[in-house]
Amino acid sequence: MDSQVMPREQLGVCAEGNLHSVYLMFNANDNVESDMRPCVATIAQYIHELTDQYSDSAFNGFVAIGANYWDTLYPNARPELLKPFPAMNRDNRDAPAIEFDLFVQIRCDRFDILHLVANEVCQMFEGLVELVDEERGFRFLDSRDLTGFVDGTENPKGRSRQEVALVGDEDSKFKGGSYIHVQKFTHNLSKWNRLPVKKQEDIIGRTKADNIEYASADKPLTSHIKRVNLKDSEGKSMEILRQSMPYGSVKEQGLMFISTCRNSVHFEKMLESMIHGDAEGNHDHLMHFTQALTGSSFFAPSLDFMHSAI
């Protein structure tokens, strides 16, 4: 990471994968900011300390503040690149914006611990918020999406996770924080599963069973991997750290897509490439089989920032 001392980041932002997750979306009650600031800091610190208490089951989590709520909660300083979710629509491809004030993600290899902590978090927030949405995620087989393909293969490894996900010296007040984008996708699995495997592989850009990426020349321009593997003007990869997991029941199921990044630009460019496509209109054909129900933008500040802002 960058050379100077790093503030204490929220450990869930860069954590390795888990078996289970709980996602809690809250909206704040009116005129509670003076109580909300210490409450948010206390909950984030509590989640941080539980990482040690439940280390055997790899507990981790983070608290993030919505782009539209940030100025209400922290009027004195704003992350440089924090903006509302970039809603997009083209033909039958829709990425709507549905914003929330607060997002709490907790993950663990024991579901009972998550249930316990989720209840505790809601009790700590009592009188300050309304719980608007809740989902519970799970690892599917060997870290596959419900489409049957391994998910997150492109994720940075080791210390590169921090390098990709955490703000550095470029916005020193928010160093150690992360831009979070969340989309809840519901998959049309009956439609997807009617496709021959080779057609599915062409849509993703990888083989299904053994997870081998197509050679660059063999990737269709409409494949998911082609659309999200982007480079900036200097030829550097525009990376994000994905913290996504499958969620749902037989009635409605899909992917809780969660992007963490040191900027908000990489995610927005990827979404644009998927929905609008390139100059020739080559969009992501995976979008024909899944629908984004939500789109939300947050910032997960460092523990130090939250404590200093009380």
Protein backbone atom coordinates (compact mmCIF):
# COMPACT_ATOMS: atom_id res chain seq x y z
CA MET A 1 0.00 0.00 0.00
CA ASP A 2 1.14 3.61 0.06
CA SER A 3 4.22 4.55 2.06
CA GLN A 4 2.80 6.43 5.04
CA VAL A 5 1.09 4.83 8.04
CA MET A 6 -2.26 3.36 7.03
CA PRO A 7 -5.27 4.13 9.22
CA ARG A 8 -7.06 1.05 10.54
CA GLU A 9 -9.24 -0.16 7.71
CA GLN A 10 -12.43 -2.13 8.25
CA LEU A 11 -11.24 -5.71 7.84
CA GLY A 12 -14.27 -6.93 5.91
CA VAL A 13 -13.41 -4.75 2.90
CA CYS A 14 -10.43 -6.87 1.86
CA ALA A 15 -11.25 -10.15 3.62
CA GLU A 16 -10.89 -13.49 1.87
CA GLY A 17 -14.07 -15.42 1.05
CA ASN A 18 -16.45 -17.01 3.58
CA LEU A 19 -19.21 -19.61 3.65
CA HIS A 20 -22.03 -17.26 4.75
CA SER A 21 -22.96 -13.58 4.67
CA VAL A 22 -25.65 -11.20 5.88
CA TYR A 23 -26.36 -7.89 4.13
CA LEU A 24 -28.31 -5.22 6.01
CA MET A 25 -29.54 -2.03 4.30
CA PHE A 26 -30.80 0.76 6.54
CA ASN A 27 -32.35 4.19 6.11
CA ALA A 28 -31.79 6.70 8.88
CA ASN A 29 -34.54 8.39 10.81
CA ASP A 30 -34.72 12.19 10.62
CA ASN A 31 -32.52 14.41 12.78
CA VAL A 32 -30.50 11.67 14.48
CA GLU A 33 -27.03 12.57 13.17
CA SER A 34 -25.56 13.55 16.56
CA ASP A 35 -26.45 10.09 17.90
CA MET A 36 -25.75 8.28 14.62
CA ARG A 37 -22.08 9.28 14.35
CA PRO A 38 -21.00 7.61 17.63
CA CYS A 39 -23.33 4.67 16.94
CA VAL A 40 -21.80 3.98 13.51
CA ALA A 41 -18.28 4.20 14.98
CA THR A 42 -19.25 1.87 17.85
CA ILE A 43 -20.77 -0.74 15.53
CA ALA A 44 -17.76 -0.66 13.20
CA GLN A 45 -15.42 -1.07 16.19
CA TYR A 46 -17.58 -3.90 17.56
CA ILE A 47 -17.43 -5.76 14.23
CA HIS A 48 -13.66 -5.20 14.20
CA GLU A 49 -13.25 -6.71 17.68
CA LEU A 50 -15.46 -9.71 16.84
CA THR A 51 -12.90 -10.59 14.16
CA ASP A 52 -10.65 -11.78 17.00
CA GLN A 53 -13.40 -13.30 19.12
CA TYR A 54 -14.69 -15.41 16.22
CA SER A 55 -11.39 -15.90 14.41
CA ASP A 56 -11.92 -19.67 14.24
CA SER A 57 -14.82 -19.08 11.87
CA ALA A 58 -13.18 -16.15 10.00
CA PHE A 59 -15.73 -13.52 11.03
CA ASN A 60 -15.38 -10.12 9.31
CA GLY A 61 -17.50 -7.18 8.22
CA PHE A 62 -17.77 -3.48 7.52
CA VAL A 63 -20.12 -0.51 7.82
CA ALA A 64 -20.55 1.80 4.81
CA ILE A 65 -22.35 5.14 4.45
CA GLY A 66 -24.56 5.88 1.45
CA ALA A 67 -23.49 8.51 -1.08
CA ASN A 68 -26.72 10.47 -0.57
CA TYR A 69 -26.51 10.32 3.22
CA TRP A 70 -22.82 11.11 3.62
CA ASP A 71 -23.14 14.91 3.79
CA THR A 72 -25.89 14.64 6.39
CA LEU A 73 -23.79 12.40 8.62
CA TYR A 74 -20.35 13.90 7.96
CA PRO A 75 -20.90 17.48 6.67
CA ASN A 76 -17.30 18.57 7.17
CA ALA A 77 -15.53 16.28 4.70
CA ARG A 78 -16.50 14.09 1.74
CA PRO A 79 -14.52 11.42 -0.13
CA GLU A 80 -13.32 12.96 -3.39
CA LEU A 81 -14.96 10.44 -5.75
CA LEU A 82 -18.13 9.60 -3.81
CA LYS A 83 -21.25 10.06 -5.91
CA PRO A 84 -24.66 8.42 -6.28
CA PHE A 85 -24.98 5.09 -8.06
CA PRO A 86 -24.55 5.57 -11.85
CA ALA A 87 -27.94 4.29 -13.05
CA MET A 88 -27.90 3.09 -16.66
CA ASN A 89 -30.42 1.71 -19.14
CA ARG A 90 -30.11 0.48 -22.72
CA ASP A 91 -32.68 -1.59 -24.60
CA ASN A 92 -33.72 -4.32 -22.12
CA ARG A 93 -30.60 -3.92 -19.95
CA ASP A 94 -31.27 -2.00 -16.76
CA ALA A 95 -28.99 -0.98 -13.89
CA PRO A 96 -31.31 1.00 -11.60
CA ALA A 97 -30.24 3.16 -8.67
CA ILE A 98 -31.89 2.40 -5.34
CA GLU A 99 -29.93 4.14 -2.61
CA PHE A 100 -29.74 3.36 1.10
CA ASP A 101 -28.27 5.42 3.93
CA LEU A 102 -26.23 2.67 5.60
CA PHE A 103 -24.95 -0.76 4.59
CA VAL A 104 -23.64 -3.37 7.01
CA GLN A 105 -21.99 -6.48 5.59
CA ILE A 106 -20.99 -9.32 7.92
CA ARG A 107 -19.52 -12.66 6.85
CA CYS A 108 -18.46 -15.79 8.65
CA ASP A 109 -18.09 -19.55 8.24
CA ARG A 110 -20.82 -20.08 10.87
CA PHE A 111 -24.30 -18.89 10.06
CA ASP A 112 -25.46 -18.89 13.69
CA ILE A 113 -22.81 -16.31 14.61
CA LEU A 114 -23.96 -14.08 11.74
CA HIS A 115 -27.56 -14.31 12.92
CA LEU A 116 -26.49 -13.40 16.44
CA VAL A 117 -24.39 -10.42 15.32
CA ALA A 118 -27.03 -9.17 12.85
CA ASN A 119 -29.53 -9.01 15.71
CA GLU A 120 -27.00 -7.20 17.90
CA VAL A 121 -26.26 -4.64 15.18
CA CYS A 122 -29.98 -3.93 14.74
CA GLN A 123 -30.36 -3.50 18.51
CA MET A 124 -27.45 -1.05 18.61
CA PHE A 125 -29.11 0.99 15.85
CA GLU A 126 -32.50 0.94 17.60
CA GLY A 127 -34.39 4.23 17.35
CA LEU A 128 -32.01 5.60 14.72
CA VAL A 129 -32.78 3.60 11.59
CA GLU A 130 -35.26 1.48 9.68
CA LEU A 131 -34.08 -1.88 8.31
CA VAL A 132 -35.18 -1.64 4.67
CA ASP A 133 -33.63 -4.71 3.09
CA GLU A 134 -31.87 -7.86 4.27
CA GLU A 135 -30.32 -10.70 2.31
CA ARG A 136 -28.35 -13.75 3.33
CA GLY A 137 -25.64 -15.06 1.07
CA PHE A 138 -23.85 -18.37 0.87
CA ARG A 139 -20.92 -20.02 -0.85
CA PHE A 140 -22.20 -22.22 -3.67
CA LEU A 141 -20.15 -25.34 -4.38
CA ASP A 142 -16.49 -24.35 -5.01
CA SER A 143 -17.14 -20.57 -4.98
CA ARG A 144 -19.40 -20.65 -8.03
CA ASP A 145 -22.17 -18.30 -9.07
CA LEU A 146 -25.60 -19.92 -9.41
CA THR A 147 -24.98 -19.93 -13.18
CA GLY A 148 -22.47 -22.70 -12.41
CA PHE A 149 -19.33 -20.68 -13.21
CA VAL A 150 -16.57 -19.94 -10.69
CA ASP A 151 -16.95 -16.32 -9.52
CA GLY A 152 -14.22 -13.88 -8.54
CA THR A 153 -11.39 -15.59 -10.43
CA GLU A 154 -10.02 -12.21 -11.51
CA ASN A 155 -9.76 -10.91 -7.94
CA PRO A 156 -6.41 -9.52 -6.80
CA LYS A 157 -4.45 -11.79 -4.47
CA GLY A 158 -2.53 -11.20 -1.25
CA ARG A 159 -1.48 -7.63 -0.53
CA SER A 160 -2.76 -6.55 -3.93
CA ARG A 161 -6.24 -6.71 -2.41
CA GLN A 162 -5.45 -3.68 -0.23
CA GLU A 163 -3.73 -1.94 -3.12
CA VAL A 164 -6.86 -2.26 -5.26
CA ALA A 165 -9.56 -1.75 -2.61
CA LEU A 166 -8.25 0.91 -0.21
CA VAL A 167 -7.85 4.65 -0.78
CA GLY A 168 -4.24 5.80 -0.50
CA ASP A 169 -2.43 9.12 -0.35
CA GLU A 170 -4.47 10.50 -3.25
CA ASP A 171 -7.23 11.43 -0.75
CA SER A 172 -5.34 11.41 2.55
CA LYS A 173 -8.29 12.23 4.84
CA PHE A 174 -10.01 9.06 3.62
CA LYS A 175 -6.96 6.83 3.42
CA GLY A 176 -7.83 3.25 4.32
CA GLY A 177 -11.44 3.69 3.20
CA SER A 178 -13.12 2.10 0.20
CA TYR A 179 -15.76 2.91 -2.41
CA ILE A 180 -18.47 0.24 -2.28
CA HIS A 181 -21.01 -0.50 -5.03
CA VAL A 182 -23.77 -3.03 -4.46
CA GLN A 183 -26.16 -4.58 -6.98
CA LYS A 184 -28.66 -7.31 -6.19
CA PHE A 185 -29.06 -9.43 -9.32
CA THR A 186 -31.83 -11.97 -9.80
CA HIS A 187 -30.95 -14.70 -12.30
CA ASN A 188 -33.30 -16.28 -14.82
CA LEU A 189 -31.87 -19.74 -14.23
CA SER A 190 -34.52 -21.64 -16.18
CA LYS A 191 -33.64 -19.61 -19.28
CA TRP A 192 -29.89 -19.92 -18.58
CA ASN A 193 -29.98 -23.66 -17.98
CA ARG A 194 -31.69 -24.27 -21.33
CA LEU A 195 -28.53 -23.05 -23.08
CA PRO A 196 -25.93 -25.61 -24.23
CA VAL A 197 -22.80 -25.47 -22.06
CA LYS A 198 -20.66 -24.19 -24.96
CA LYS A 199 -23.05 -21.26 -25.45
CA GLN A 200 -22.86 -20.49 -21.70
CA GLU A 201 -19.06 -20.61 -21.89
CA ASP A 202 -19.02 -18.19 -24.83
CA ILE A 203 -21.22 -15.76 -22.85
CA ILE A 204 -18.87 -15.88 -19.83
CA GLY A 205 -15.52 -16.28 -21.63
CA ARG A 206 -14.40 -19.26 -19.53
CA THR A 207 -14.89 -22.99 -19.53
CA LYS A 208 -17.51 -24.12 -17.02
CA ALA A 209 -16.20 -27.29 -15.41
CA ASP A 210 -12.49 -26.46 -15.09
CA ASN A 211 -12.67 -22.63 -15.10
CA ILE A 212 -10.10 -21.98 -17.85
CA GLU A 213 -10.24 -18.52 -19.40
CA TYR A 214 -10.56 -18.38 -23.17
CA ALA A 215 -7.51 -17.13 -25.07
CA SER A 216 -7.92 -13.44 -25.84
CA ALA A 217 -8.46 -14.03 -29.56
CA ASP A 218 -11.21 -16.58 -28.80
CA LYS A 219 -13.25 -14.38 -26.44
CA PRO A 220 -16.39 -13.01 -28.08
CA LEU A 221 -16.60 -9.21 -27.78
CA THR A 222 -19.93 -9.77 -26.01
CA SER A 223 -18.48 -12.12 -23.37
CA HIS A 224 -18.69 -11.05 -19.73
CA ILE A 225 -14.93 -11.24 -19.21
CA LYS A 226 -14.21 -9.15 -22.31
CA ARG A 227 -16.64 -6.47 -21.14
CA VAL A 228 -15.27 -6.16 -17.58
CA ASN A 229 -11.51 -6.57 -18.17
CA LEU A 230 -10.76 -2.94 -18.99
CA LYS A 231 -7.60 -0.87 -19.21
CA ASP A 232 -7.14 2.84 -18.54
CA SER A 233 -5.49 5.39 -20.85
CA GLU A 234 -2.05 4.29 -19.61
CA GLY A 235 -2.74 0.62 -20.34
CA LYS A 236 -3.14 -0.38 -16.68
CA SER A 237 -5.87 -2.83 -15.67
CA MET A 238 -8.89 -1.13 -14.08
CA GLU A 239 -9.27 -3.53 -11.18
CA ILE A 240 -11.87 -3.91 -8.45
CA LEU A 241 -12.02 -6.34 -5.52
CA ARG A 242 -15.24 -8.35 -5.76
CA GLN A 243 -16.85 -9.46 -2.50
CA SER A 244 -19.91 -11.00 -4.18
CA MET A 245 -21.88 -14.06 -3.03
CA PRO A 246 -24.96 -15.93 -4.23
CA TYR A 247 -28.13 -15.24 -2.24
CA GLY A 248 -31.78 -16.17 -2.10
CA SER A 249 -34.25 -19.00 -2.17
CA VAL A 250 -35.80 -21.16 -4.87
CA LYS A 251 -38.38 -18.40 -5.45
CA GLU A 252 -35.83 -15.62 -6.06
CA GLN A 253 -32.10 -16.17 -6.29
CA GLY A 254 -29.07 -14.58 -7.83
CA LEU A 255 -25.92 -12.68 -6.92
CA MET A 256 -25.24 -9.95 -4.37
CA PHE A 257 -22.59 -8.18 -6.43
CA ILE A 258 -20.29 -6.12 -4.23
CA SER A 259 -17.40 -4.09 -5.61
CA THR A 260 -14.78 -2.54 -3.32
CA CYS A 261 -12.22 -0.17 -4.84
CA ARG A 262 -9.93 2.75 -4.03
CA ASN A 263 -11.91 4.82 -6.55
CA SER A 264 -15.44 4.88 -7.98
CA VAL A 265 -14.31 5.12 -11.60
CA HIS A 266 -13.40 1.48 -12.28
CA PHE A 267 -16.80 0.12 -11.32
CA GLU A 268 -18.63 2.78 -13.33
CA LYS A 269 -16.55 2.05 -16.45
CA MET A 270 -17.22 -1.69 -16.09
CA LEU A 271 -20.96 -1.14 -15.72
CA GLU A 272 -20.96 1.13 -18.76
CA SER A 273 -19.12 -1.53 -20.76
CA MET A 274 -21.64 -4.20 -19.71
CA ILE A 275 -24.83 -2.16 -20.31
CA HIS A 276 -23.88 0.16 -23.21
CA GLY A 277 -20.98 -1.82 -24.65
CA ASP A 278 -18.28 -0.56 -26.96
CA ALA A 279 -18.55 1.79 -29.94
CA GLU A 280 -19.97 -1.06 -32.04
CA GLY A 281 -22.62 -1.85 -29.41
CA ASN A 282 -21.04 -5.08 -28.14
CA HIS A 283 -22.62 -5.32 -24.68
CA ASP A 284 -22.44 -8.07 -22.04
CA HIS A 285 -24.73 -10.92 -23.14
CA LEU A 286 -24.85 -12.21 -19.57
CA MET A 287 -27.26 -9.32 -19.01
CA HIS A 288 -29.87 -11.23 -21.05
CA PHE A 289 -30.07 -13.77 -18.22
CA THR A 290 -29.93 -11.63 -15.08
CA GLN A 291 -31.65 -8.47 -13.86
CA ALA A 292 -30.29 -5.89 -11.43
CA LEU A 293 -32.98 -5.13 -8.85
CA THR A 294 -30.94 -2.54 -6.94
CA GLY A 295 -27.88 -0.35 -7.35
CA SER A 296 -26.34 1.48 -4.39
CA SER A 297 -23.22 3.54 -3.78
CA PHE A 298 -21.44 3.74 -0.42
CA PHE A 299 -18.13 4.62 1.20
CA ALA A 300 -16.65 2.48 3.98
CA PRO A 301 -14.34 4.84 5.90
CA SER A 302 -11.47 3.75 8.12
CA LEU A 303 -12.17 3.09 11.80
CA ASP A 304 -9.97 6.07 12.61
CA PHE A 305 -12.06 8.45 10.50
CA MET A 306 -15.30 7.32 12.12
CA HIS A 307 -13.89 7.77 15.64
CA SER A 308 -12.39 11.17 14.83
CA ALA A 309 -15.72 12.41 13.42
CA ILE A 310 -17.81 11.70 16.54
